């Protein structure tokens, strides 16, 4: 769960950066690819664990709430939090995770 929540935040943050200075382009591109891969792996694992068990999905949802403030804290660019929350909601729906909106989010 932490991998999904935190790597998704990193992916959103990296994808929102426009032009990266030349010396950092390859590194930034690789980091974005890595985070995308991490999110996909986390989603696949969670879908496998949660699909057959509503109780497991509910339990995993609690861990999303635990890690969500950490992920949101890492996103400070205008609009990044909204993009992140939208992507997280989409991924959670695909997995079958019920999400509650955290207070103040």
PDB file of N, CA and C in Angstrom:
ATOM      1  N   UNK A   1       0.840  -1.196   0.000  1.00  0.00           N
ATOM      2  CA  UNK A   1       0.000   0.000   0.000  1.00  0.00           C
ATOM      3  C   UNK A   1       0.878   1.249   0.000  1.00  0.00           C
ATOM      4  N   UNK A   2       1.907   1.236   0.845  1.00  0.00           N
ATOM      5  CA  UNK A   2       2.798   2.393   0.887  1.00  0.00           C
ATOM      6  C   UNK A   2       3.449   2.625  -0.472  1.00  0.00           C
ATOM      7  N   UNK A   3       3.793   1.543  -1.156  1.00  0.00           N
ATOM      8  CA  UNK A   3       4.407   1.685  -2.480  1.00  0.00           C
ATOM      9  C   UNK A   3       3.454   2.390  -3.433  1.00  0.00           C
ATOM     10  N   UNK A   4       2.211   2.003  -3.444  1.00  0.00           N
ATOM     11  CA  UNK A   4       1.238   2.664  -4.314  1.00  0.00           C
ATOM     12  C   UNK A   4       1.120   4.138  -3.964  1.00  0.00           C
ATOM     13  N   UNK A   5       0.878   4.425  -2.704  1.00  0.00           N
ATOM     14  CA  UNK A   5       0.603   5.792  -2.281  1.00  0.00           C
ATOM     15  C   UNK A   5       1.810   6.706  -2.493  1.00  0.00           C
ATOM     16  N   UNK A   6       2.989   6.251  -2.104  1.00  0.00           N
ATOM     17  CA  UNK A   6       4.172   7.104  -2.185  1.00  0.00           C
ATOM     18  C   UNK A   6       4.769   7.162  -3.589  1.00  0.00           C
ATOM     19  N   UNK A   7       4.808   6.037  -4.284  1.00  0.00           N
ATOM     20  CA  UNK A   7       5.349   6.047  -5.648  1.00  0.00           C
ATOM     21  C   UNK A   7       4.431   6.797  -6.606  1.00  0.00           C
ATOM     22  N   UNK A   8       3.138   6.740  -6.360  1.00  0.00           N
ATOM     23  CA  UNK A   8       2.209   7.520  -7.180  1.00  0.00           C
ATOM     24  C   UNK A   8       2.468   9.012  -6.976  1.00  0.00           C
ATOM     25  N   UNK A   9       2.729   9.424  -5.743  1.00  0.00           N
ATOM     26  CA  UNK A   9       3.059  10.833  -5.486  1.00  0.00           C
ATOM     27  C   UNK A   9       4.332  11.227  -6.226  1.00  0.00           C
ATOM     28  N   UNK A  10       5.329  10.364  -6.187  1.00  0.00           N
ATOM     29  CA  UNK A  10       6.578  10.651  -6.900  1.00  0.00           C
ATOM     30  C   UNK A  10       6.330  10.731  -8.400  1.00  0.00           C
ATOM     31  N   UNK A  11       5.514   9.822  -8.925  1.00  0.00           N
ATOM     32  CA  UNK A  11       5.216   9.839 -10.365  1.00  0.00           C
ATOM     33  C   UNK A  11       4.504  11.125 -10.759  1.00  0.00           C
ATOM     34  N   UNK A  12       3.531  11.528  -9.967  1.00  0.00           N
ATOM     35  CA  UNK A  12       2.803  12.771 -10.261  1.00  0.00           C
ATOM     36  C   UNK A  12       3.767  13.949 -10.213  1.00  0.00           C
ATOM     37  N   UNK A  13       4.596  13.999  -9.191  1.00  0.00           N
ATOM     38  CA  UNK A  13       5.540  15.108  -9.057  1.00  0.00           C
ATOM     39  C   UNK A  13       6.499  15.154 -10.239  1.00  0.00           C
ATOM     40  N   UNK A  14       7.071  14.021 -10.592  1.00  0.00           N
ATOM     41  CA  UNK A  14       8.016  13.981 -11.707  1.00  0.00           C
ATOM     42  C   UNK A  14       7.347  14.326 -13.034  1.00  0.00           C
ATOM     43  N   UNK A  15       6.124  13.884 -13.225  1.00  0.00           N
ATOM     44  CA  UNK A  15       5.448  14.127 -14.501  1.00  0.00           C
ATOM     45  C   UNK A  15       5.016  15.579 -14.663  1.00  0.00           C
ATOM     46  N   UNK A  16       4.922  16.314 -13.566  1.00  0.00           N
ATOM     47  CA  UNK A  16       4.493  17.711 -13.641  1.00  0.00           C
ATOM     48  C   UNK A  16       5.633  18.673 -13.943  1.00  0.00           C
ATOM     49  N   UNK A  17       6.847  18.178 -13.904  1.00  0.00           N
ATOM     50  CA  UNK A  17       7.980  19.046 -14.231  1.00  0.00           C
ATOM     51  C   UNK A  17       8.097  19.146 -15.737  1.00  0.00           C
ATOM     52  N   UNK A  18       8.072  20.368 -16.222  1.00  0.00           N
ATOM     53  CA  UNK A  18       8.154  20.579 -17.657  1.00  0.00           C
ATOM     54  C   UNK A  18       9.543  20.290 -18.174  1.00  0.00           C
ATOM     55  N   UNK A  19      10.231  21.314 -18.537  1.00  0.00           N
ATOM     56  CA  UNK A  19      11.572  21.177 -19.089  1.00  0.00           C
ATOM     57  C   UNK A  19      12.575  20.958 -17.963  1.00  0.00           C
ATOM     58  N   UNK A  20      13.254  19.845 -18.024  1.00  0.00           N
ATOM     59  CA  UNK A  20      14.290  19.520 -17.050  1.00  0.00           C
ATOM     60  C   UNK A  20      15.627  19.918 -17.670  1.00  0.00           C
ATOM     61  N   UNK A  21      16.487  20.576 -16.891  1.00  0.00           N
ATOM     62  CA  UNK A  21      17.795  20.944 -17.458  1.00  0.00           C
ATOM     63  C   UNK A  21      18.511  19.730 -18.054  1.00  0.00           C
ATOM     64  N   UNK A  22      19.200  19.950 -19.145  1.00  0.00           N
ATOM     65  CA  UNK A  22      19.839  18.890 -19.920  1.00  0.00           C
ATOM     66  C   UNK A  22      20.619  17.867 -19.080  1.00  0.00           C
ATOM     67  N   UNK A  23      21.437  18.275 -18.127  1.00  0.00           N
ATOM     68  CA  UNK A  23      22.208  17.251 -17.394  1.00  0.00           C
ATOM     69  C   UNK A  23      21.331  16.285 -16.588  1.00  0.00           C
ATOM     70  N   UNK A  24      20.084  16.669 -16.326  1.00  0.00           N
ATOM     71  CA  UNK A  24      19.217  15.846 -15.488  1.00  0.00           C
ATOM     72  C   UNK A  24      18.106  15.129 -16.262  1.00  0.00           C
ATOM     73  N   UNK A  25      18.023  15.338 -17.555  1.00  0.00           N
ATOM     74  CA  UNK A  25      16.925  14.763 -18.344  1.00  0.00           C
ATOM     75  C   UNK A  25      16.884  13.242 -18.296  1.00  0.00           C
ATOM     76  N   UNK A  26      18.011  12.611 -18.510  1.00  0.00           N
ATOM     77  CA  UNK A  26      18.034  11.139 -18.526  1.00  0.00           C
ATOM     78  C   UNK A  26      17.669  10.590 -17.153  1.00  0.00           C
ATOM     79  N   UNK A  27      18.186  11.206 -16.102  1.00  0.00           N
ATOM     80  CA  UNK A  27      17.890  10.747 -14.750  1.00  0.00           C
ATOM     81  C   UNK A  27      16.412  10.948 -14.421  1.00  0.00           C
ATOM     82  N   UNK A  28      15.872  12.101 -14.769  1.00  0.00           N
ATOM     83  CA  UNK A  28      14.462  12.383 -14.504  1.00  0.00           C
ATOM     84  C   UNK A  28      13.559  11.439 -15.292  1.00  0.00           C
ATOM     85  N   UNK A  29      13.921  11.177 -16.534  1.00  0.00           N
ATOM     86  CA  UNK A  29      13.136  10.268 -17.364  1.00  0.00           C
ATOM     87  C   UNK A  29      13.151   8.857 -16.789  1.00  0.00           C
ATOM     88  N   UNK A  30      14.302   8.406 -16.353  1.00  0.00           N
ATOM     89  CA  UNK A  30      14.426   7.065 -15.761  1.00  0.00           C
ATOM     90  C   UNK A  30      13.668   6.980 -14.438  1.00  0.00           C
ATOM     91  N   UNK A  31      13.747   8.033 -13.640  1.00  0.00           N
ATOM     92  CA  UNK A  31      13.027   8.054 -12.364  1.00  0.00           C
ATOM     93  C   UNK A  31      11.522   7.987 -12.597  1.00  0.00           C
ATOM     94  N   UNK A  32      11.027   8.717 -13.600  1.00  0.00           N
ATOM     95  CA  UNK A  32       9.603   8.675 -13.915  1.00  0.00           C
ATOM     96  C   UNK A  32       9.202   7.276 -14.377  1.00  0.00           C
ATOM     97  N   UNK A  33      10.017   6.652 -15.204  1.00  0.00           N
ATOM     98  CA  UNK A  33       9.728   5.282 -15.659  1.00  0.00           C
ATOM     99  C   UNK A  33       9.731   4.312 -14.481  1.00  0.00           C
ATOM    100  N   UNK A  34      10.678   4.472 -13.580  1.00  0.00           N
ATOM    101  CA  UNK A  34      10.740   3.601 -12.402  1.00  0.00           C
ATOM    102  C   UNK A  34       9.499   3.757 -11.527  1.00  0.00           C
ATOM    103  N   UNK A  35       9.098   4.987 -11.277  1.00  0.00           N
ATOM    104  CA  UNK A  35       7.928   5.221 -10.430  1.00  0.00           C
ATOM    105  C   UNK A  35       6.661   4.682 -11.101  1.00  0.00           C
ATOM    106  N   UNK A  36       6.568   4.818 -12.407  1.00  0.00           N
ATOM    107  CA  UNK A  36       5.424   4.267 -13.136  1.00  0.00           C
ATOM    108  C   UNK A  36       5.390   2.751 -12.985  1.00  0.00           C
ATOM    109  N   UNK A  37       6.550   2.125 -13.071  1.00  0.00           N
ATOM    110  CA  UNK A  37       6.644   0.676 -12.897  1.00  0.00           C
ATOM    111  C   UNK A  37       6.276   0.270 -11.467  1.00  0.00           C
ATOM    112  N   UNK A  38       6.728   1.033 -10.499  1.00  0.00           N
ATOM    113  CA  UNK A  38       6.403   0.733  -9.098  1.00  0.00           C
ATOM    114  C   UNK A  38       4.905   0.828  -8.833  1.00  0.00           C
ATOM    115  N   UNK A  39       4.266   1.835  -9.402  1.00  0.00           N
ATOM    116  CA  UNK A  39       2.818   1.987  -9.233  1.00  0.00           C
ATOM    117  C   UNK A  39       2.092   0.808  -9.866  1.00  0.00           C
ATOM    118  N   UNK A  40       2.499   0.420 -11.058  1.00  0.00           N
ATOM    119  CA  UNK A  40       1.859  -0.713 -11.732  1.00  0.00           C
ATOM    120  C   UNK A  40       2.024  -2.001 -10.925  1.00  0.00           C
ATOM    121  N   UNK A  41       3.218  -2.220 -10.380  1.00  0.00           N
ATOM    122  CA  UNK A  41       3.456  -3.426  -9.576  1.00  0.00           C
ATOM    123  C   UNK A  41       2.616  -3.403  -8.301  1.00  0.00           C
ATOM    124  N   UNK A  42       2.543  -2.260  -7.653  1.00  0.00           N
ATOM    125  CA  UNK A  42       1.736  -2.150  -6.434  1.00  0.00           C
ATOM    126  C   UNK A  42       0.262  -2.388  -6.733  1.00  0.00           C
ATOM    127  N   UNK A  43      -0.225  -1.827  -7.825  1.00  0.00           N
ATOM    128  CA  UNK A  43      -1.630  -2.021  -8.199  1.00  0.00           C
ATOM    129  C   UNK A  43      -1.916  -3.492  -8.482  1.00  0.00           C
ATOM    130  N   UNK A  44      -1.028  -4.143  -9.198  1.00  0.00           N
ATOM    131  CA  UNK A  44      -1.223  -5.562  -9.517  1.00  0.00           C
ATOM    132  C   UNK A  44      -1.248  -6.404  -8.253  1.00  0.00           C
ATOM    133  N   UNK A  45      -0.318  -6.143  -7.346  1.00  0.00           N
ATOM    134  CA  UNK A  45      -0.269  -6.910  -6.099  1.00  0.00           C
ATOM    135  C   UNK A  45      -1.507  -6.660  -5.246  1.00  0.00           C
ATOM    136  N   UNK A  46      -1.912  -5.409  -5.145  1.00  0.00           N
ATOM    137  CA  UNK A  46      -3.090  -5.092  -4.332  1.00  0.00           C
ATOM    138  C   UNK A  46      -4.361  -5.654  -4.947  1.00  0.00           C
ATOM    139  N   UNK A  47      -4.461  -5.611  -6.259  1.00  0.00           N
ATOM    140  CA  UNK A  47      -5.641  -6.183  -6.918  1.00  0.00           C
ATOM    141  C   UNK A  47      -5.729  -7.678  -6.634  1.00  0.00           C
ATOM    142  N   UNK A  48      -4.599  -8.348  -6.692  1.00  0.00           N
ATOM    143  CA  UNK A  48      -4.563  -9.784  -6.426  1.00  0.00           C
ATOM    144  C   UNK A  48      -4.952 -10.099  -4.979  1.00  0.00           C
ATOM    145  N   UNK A  49      -4.491  -9.272  -4.065  1.00  0.00           N
ATOM    146  CA  UNK A  49      -4.797  -9.494  -2.649  1.00  0.00           C
ATOM    147  C   UNK A  49      -6.218  -9.094  -2.267  1.00  0.00           C
ATOM    148  N   UNK A  50      -6.699  -8.012  -2.848  1.00  0.00           N
ATOM    149  CA  UNK A  50      -7.962  -7.428  -2.396  1.00  0.00           C
ATOM    150  C   UNK A  50      -9.195  -7.912  -3.150  1.00  0.00           C
ATOM    151  N   UNK A  51      -9.013  -8.311  -4.396  1.00  0.00           N
ATOM    152  CA  UNK A  51     -10.176  -8.706  -5.198  1.00  0.00           C
ATOM    153  C   UNK A  51     -11.001  -9.817  -4.551  1.00  0.00           C
ATOM    154  N   UNK A  52     -10.370 -10.861  -4.039  1.00  0.00           N
ATOM    155  CA  UNK A  52     -11.177 -11.943  -3.476  1.00  0.00           C
ATOM    156  C   UNK A  52     -11.676 -11.679  -2.054  1.00  0.00           C
ATOM    157  N   UNK A  53     -11.242 -10.579  -1.436  1.00  0.00           N
ATOM    158  CA  UNK A  53     -11.562 -10.380  -0.032  1.00  0.00           C
ATOM    159  C   UNK A  53     -11.945  -8.936   0.282  1.00  0.00           C
ATOM    160  N   UNK A  54     -13.233  -8.654   0.465  1.00  0.00           N
ATOM    161  CA  UNK A  54     -13.638  -7.306   0.863  1.00  0.00           C
ATOM    162  C   UNK A  54     -12.987  -6.868   2.182  1.00  0.00           C
ATOM    163  N   UNK A  55     -12.762  -7.814   3.091  1.00  0.00           N
ATOM    164  CA  UNK A  55     -12.118  -7.472   4.361  1.00  0.00           C
ATOM    165  C   UNK A  55     -10.681  -7.020   4.122  1.00  0.00           C
ATOM    166  N   UNK A  56      -9.976  -7.688   3.225  1.00  0.00           N
ATOM    167  CA  UNK A  56      -8.609  -7.294   2.899  1.00  0.00           C
ATOM    168  C   UNK A  56      -8.598  -5.920   2.229  1.00  0.00           C
ATOM    169  N   UNK A  57      -9.549  -5.677   1.348  1.00  0.00           N
ATOM    170  CA  UNK A  57      -9.641  -4.373   0.683  1.00  0.00           C
ATOM    171  C   UNK A  57      -9.890  -3.269   1.707  1.00  0.00           C
ATOM    172  N   UNK A  58     -10.746  -3.523   2.654  1.00  0.00           N
ATOM    173  CA  UNK A  58     -11.034  -2.534   3.694  1.00  0.00           C
ATOM    174  C   UNK A  58      -9.789  -2.283   4.543  1.00  0.00           C
ATOM    175  N   UNK A  59      -9.082  -3.328   4.880  1.00  0.00           N
ATOM    176  CA  UNK A  59      -7.851  -3.201   5.660  1.00  0.00           C
ATOM    177  C   UNK A  59      -6.803  -2.396   4.883  1.00  0.00           C
ATOM    178  N   UNK A  60      -6.639  -2.698   3.609  1.00  0.00           N
ATOM    179  CA  UNK A  60      -5.691  -1.966   2.773  1.00  0.00           C
ATOM    180  C   UNK A  60      -6.079  -0.498   2.669  1.00  0.00           C
ATOM    181  N   UNK A  61      -7.362  -0.228   2.609  1.00  0.00           N
ATOM    182  CA  UNK A  61      -7.845   1.149   2.552  1.00  0.00           C
ATOM    183  C   UNK A  61      -7.406   1.936   3.786  1.00  0.00           C
ATOM    184  N   UNK A  62      -7.394   1.291   4.929  1.00  0.00           N
ATOM    185  CA  UNK A  62      -6.919   1.939   6.144  1.00  0.00           C
ATOM    186  C   UNK A  62      -5.459   2.336   6.043  1.00  0.00           C
ATOM    187  N   UNK A  63      -4.657   1.499   5.390  1.00  0.00           N
ATOM    188  CA  UNK A  63      -3.247   1.836   5.211  1.00  0.00           C
ATOM    189  C   UNK A  63      -3.067   2.974   4.208  1.00  0.00           C
ATOM    190  N   UNK A  64      -3.963   3.071   3.229  1.00  0.00           N
ATOM    191  CA  UNK A  64      -3.920   4.219   2.314  1.00  0.00           C
ATOM    192  C   UNK A  64      -4.081   5.495   3.136  1.00  0.00           C
ATOM    193  N   UNK A  65      -5.042   5.495   4.039  1.00  0.00           N
ATOM    194  CA  UNK A  65      -5.281   6.672   4.870  1.00  0.00           C
ATOM    195  C   UNK A  65      -4.068   6.985   5.751  1.00  0.00           C
ATOM    196  N   UNK A  66      -3.373   5.956   6.181  1.00  0.00           N
ATOM    197  CA  UNK A  66      -2.185   6.157   7.015  1.00  0.00           C
ATOM    198  C   UNK A  66      -1.067   6.861   6.247  1.00  0.00           C
ATOM    199  N   UNK A  67      -0.846   6.453   4.988  1.00  0.00           N
ATOM    200  CA  UNK A  67       0.259   6.990   4.202  1.00  0.00           C
ATOM    201  C   UNK A  67      -0.111   8.223   3.388  1.00  0.00           C
ATOM    202  N   UNK A  68      -1.388   8.508   3.244  1.00  0.00           N
ATOM    203  CA  UNK A  68      -1.832   9.632   2.421  1.00  0.00           C
ATOM    204  C   UNK A  68      -1.253  10.977   2.875  1.00  0.00           C
ATOM    205  N   UNK A  69      -1.251  11.306   4.159  1.00  0.00           N
ATOM    206  CA  UNK A  69      -0.677  12.601   4.552  1.00  0.00           C
ATOM    207  C   UNK A  69       0.797  12.753   4.173  1.00  0.00           C
ATOM    208  N   UNK A  70       1.552  11.672   4.235  1.00  0.00           N
ATOM    209  CA  UNK A  70       2.971  11.722   3.855  1.00  0.00           C
ATOM    210  C   UNK A  70       3.092  12.042   2.370  1.00  0.00           C
ATOM    211  N   UNK A  71       2.295  11.380   1.563  1.00  0.00           N
ATOM    212  CA  UNK A  71       2.328  11.621   0.120  1.00  0.00           C
ATOM    213  C   UNK A  71       1.908  13.051  -0.204  1.00  0.00           C
ATOM    214  N   UNK A  72       0.849  13.514   0.420  1.00  0.00           N
ATOM    215  CA  UNK A  72       0.372  14.873   0.142  1.00  0.00           C
ATOM    216  C   UNK A  72       1.390  15.925   0.575  1.00  0.00           C
ATOM    217  N   UNK A  73       2.071  15.655   1.660  1.00  0.00           N
ATOM    218  CA  UNK A  73       3.097  16.584   2.150  1.00  0.00           C
ATOM    219  C   UNK A  73       4.222  16.752   1.126  1.00  0.00           C
ATOM    220  N   UNK A  74       4.469  15.724   0.342  1.00  0.00           N
ATOM    221  CA  UNK A  74       5.557  15.785  -0.636  1.00  0.00           C
ATOM    222  C   UNK A  74       5.175  16.562  -1.893  1.00  0.00           C
ATOM    223  N   UNK A  75       3.919  16.885  -2.041  1.00  0.00           N
ATOM    224  CA  UNK A  75       3.443  17.574  -3.243  1.00  0.00           C
ATOM    225  C   UNK A  75       3.097  19.017  -2.895  1.00  0.00           C
ATOM    226  N   UNK A  76       3.906  19.952  -3.363  1.00  0.00           N
ATOM    227  CA  UNK A  76       3.651  21.342  -3.013  1.00  0.00           C
ATOM    228  C   UNK A  76       3.392  22.243  -4.214  1.00  0.00           C
ATOM    229  N   UNK A  77       3.536  21.723  -5.405  1.00  0.00           N
ATOM    230  CA  UNK A  77       3.279  22.518  -6.598  1.00  0.00           C
ATOM    231  C   UNK A  77       1.782  22.746  -6.771  1.00  0.00           C
ATOM    232  N   UNK A  78       1.420  23.894  -7.324  1.00  0.00           N
ATOM    233  CA  UNK A  78       0.005  24.193  -7.558  1.00  0.00           C
ATOM    234  C   UNK A  78      -0.639  23.091  -8.385  1.00  0.00           C
ATOM    235  N   UNK A  79      -1.712  22.572  -7.884  1.00  0.00           N
ATOM    236  CA  UNK A  79      -2.480  21.575  -8.599  1.00  0.00           C
ATOM    237  C   UNK A  79      -1.972  20.146  -8.467  1.00  0.00           C
ATOM    238  N   UNK A  80      -0.786  19.944  -7.926  1.00  0.00           N
ATOM    239  CA  UNK A  80      -0.223  18.594  -7.841  1.00  0.00           C
ATOM    240  C   UNK A  80      -1.053  17.703  -6.927  1.00  0.00           C
ATOM    241  N   UNK A  81      -1.521  18.234  -5.820  1.00  0.00           N
ATOM    242  CA  UNK A  81      -2.308  17.423  -4.893  1.00  0.00           C
ATOM    243  C   UNK A  81      -3.622  16.978  -5.527  1.00  0.00           C
ATOM    244  N   UNK A  82      -4.245  17.865  -6.270  1.00  0.00           N
ATOM    245  CA  UNK A  82      -5.509  17.515  -6.926  1.00  0.00           C
ATOM    246  C   UNK A  82      -5.291  16.436  -7.980  1.00  0.00           C
ATOM    247  N   UNK A  83      -4.232  16.579  -8.757  1.00  0.00           N
ATOM    248  CA  UNK A  83      -3.910  15.568  -9.769  1.00  0.00           C
ATOM    249  C   UNK A  83      -3.641  14.234  -9.078  1.00  0.00           C
ATOM    250  N   UNK A  84      -2.865  14.288  -8.014  1.00  0.00           N
ATOM    251  CA  UNK A  84      -2.533  13.073  -7.266  1.00  0.00           C
ATOM    252  C   UNK A  84      -3.786  12.397  -6.725  1.00  0.00           C
ATOM    253  N   UNK A  85      -4.648  13.158  -6.064  1.00  0.00           N
ATOM    254  CA  UNK A  85      -5.865  12.576  -5.481  1.00  0.00           C
ATOM    255  C   UNK A  85      -6.765  11.972  -6.557  1.00  0.00           C
ATOM    256  N   UNK A  86      -6.820  12.609  -7.700  1.00  0.00           N
ATOM    257  CA  UNK A  86      -7.608  12.070  -8.807  1.00  0.00           C
ATOM    258  C   UNK A  86      -7.020  10.753  -9.307  1.00  0.00           C
ATOM    259  N   UNK A  87      -5.699  10.701  -9.467  1.00  0.00           N
ATOM    260  CA  UNK A  87      -5.055   9.473  -9.922  1.00  0.00           C
ATOM    261  C   UNK A  87      -5.168   8.368  -8.874  1.00  0.00           C
ATOM    262  N   UNK A  88      -5.033   8.733  -7.600  1.00  0.00           N
ATOM    263  CA  UNK A  88      -5.164   7.744  -6.534  1.00  0.00           C
ATOM    264  C   UNK A  88      -6.584   7.175  -6.517  1.00  0.00           C
ATOM    265  N   UNK A  89      -7.580   8.032  -6.668  1.00  0.00           N
ATOM    266  CA  UNK A  89      -8.967   7.563  -6.698  1.00  0.00           C
ATOM    267  C   UNK A  89      -9.185   6.608  -7.870  1.00  0.00           C
ATOM    268  N   UNK A  90      -8.602   6.935  -9.017  1.00  0.00           N
ATOM    269  CA  UNK A  90      -8.741   6.073 -10.193  1.00  0.00           C
ATOM    270  C   UNK A  90      -8.093   4.711  -9.955  1.00  0.00           C
ATOM    271  N   UNK A  91      -6.861   4.725  -9.448  1.00  0.00           N
ATOM    272  CA  UNK A  91      -6.161   3.466  -9.185  1.00  0.00           C
ATOM    273  C   UNK A  91      -6.908   2.645  -8.133  1.00  0.00           C
ATOM    274  N   UNK A  92      -7.382   3.297  -7.081  1.00  0.00           N
ATOM    275  CA  UNK A  92      -8.111   2.591  -6.022  1.00  0.00           C
ATOM    276  C   UNK A  92      -9.386   1.958  -6.574  1.00  0.00           C
ATOM    277  N   UNK A  93     -10.075   2.657  -7.443  1.00  0.00           N
ATOM    278  CA  UNK A  93     -11.296   2.111  -8.047  1.00  0.00           C
ATOM    279  C   UNK A  93     -10.972   0.881  -8.888  1.00  0.00           C
ATOM    280  N   UNK A  94      -9.884   0.964  -9.655  1.00  0.00           N
ATOM    281  CA  UNK A  94      -9.475  -0.173 -10.481  1.00  0.00           C
ATOM    282  C   UNK A  94      -9.141  -1.399  -9.630  1.00  0.00           C
ATOM    283  N   UNK A  95      -8.521  -1.151  -8.487  1.00  0.00           N
ATOM    284  CA  UNK A  95      -8.121  -2.232  -7.585  1.00  0.00           C
ATOM    285  C   UNK A  95      -9.310  -2.767  -6.789  1.00  0.00           C
ATOM    286  N   UNK A  96     -10.272  -1.884  -6.509  1.00  0.00           N
ATOM    287  CA  UNK A  96     -11.399  -2.245  -5.660  1.00  0.00           C
ATOM    288  C   UNK A  96     -11.199  -1.825  -4.206  1.00  0.00           C
ATOM    289  N   UNK A  97     -10.362  -0.797  -4.010  1.00  0.00           N
ATOM    290  CA  UNK A  97     -10.139  -0.271  -2.664  1.00  0.00           C
ATOM    291  C   UNK A  97     -11.130   0.828  -2.354  1.00  0.00           C
ATOM    292  N   UNK A  98     -11.881   0.688  -1.279  1.00  0.00           N
ATOM    293  CA  UNK A  98     -12.749   1.799  -0.887  1.00  0.00           C
ATOM    294  C   UNK A  98     -11.899   2.894  -0.245  1.00  0.00           C
ATOM    295  N   UNK A  99     -12.043   4.113  -0.728  1.00  0.00           N
ATOM    296  CA  UNK A  99     -11.272   5.230  -0.166  1.00  0.00           C
ATOM    297  C   UNK A  99     -12.193   6.192   0.539  1.00  0.00           C
ATOM    298  N   UNK A 100     -11.733   6.644   1.701  1.00  0.00           N
ATOM    299  CA  UNK A 100     -12.416   7.716   2.415  1.00  0.00           C
ATOM    300  C   UNK A 100     -11.573   8.951   2.231  1.00  0.00           C
ATOM    301  N   UNK A 101     -12.210  10.054   2.091  1.00  0.00           N
ATOM    302  CA  UNK A 101     -11.480  11.321   1.975  1.00  0.00           C
ATOM    303  C   UNK A 101     -10.998  11.727   3.362  1.00  0.00           C
ATOM    304  N   UNK A 102      -9.697  11.953   3.489  1.00  0.00           N
ATOM    305  CA  UNK A 102      -9.131  12.350   4.777  1.00  0.00           C
ATOM    306  C   UNK A 102      -9.607  13.747   5.136  1.00  0.00           C
ATOM    307  N   UNK A 103      -9.844  14.010   6.401  1.00  0.00           N
ATOM    308  CA  UNK A 103     -10.246  15.361   6.811  1.00  0.00           C
ATOM    309  C   UNK A 103      -9.192  16.393   6.397  1.00  0.00           C
ATOM    310  N   UNK A 104      -9.651  17.506   5.884  1.00  0.00           N
ATOM    311  CA  UNK A 104      -8.748  18.572   5.477  1.00  0.00           C
ATOM    312  C   UNK A 104      -8.041  18.339   4.163  1.00  0.00           C
ATOM    313  N   UNK A 105      -8.431  17.278   3.448  1.00  0.00           N
ATOM    314  CA  UNK A 105      -7.796  16.967   2.165  1.00  0.00           C
ATOM    315  C   UNK A 105      -8.754  17.293   1.047  1.00  0.00           C
TER     316      UNK A 105
END
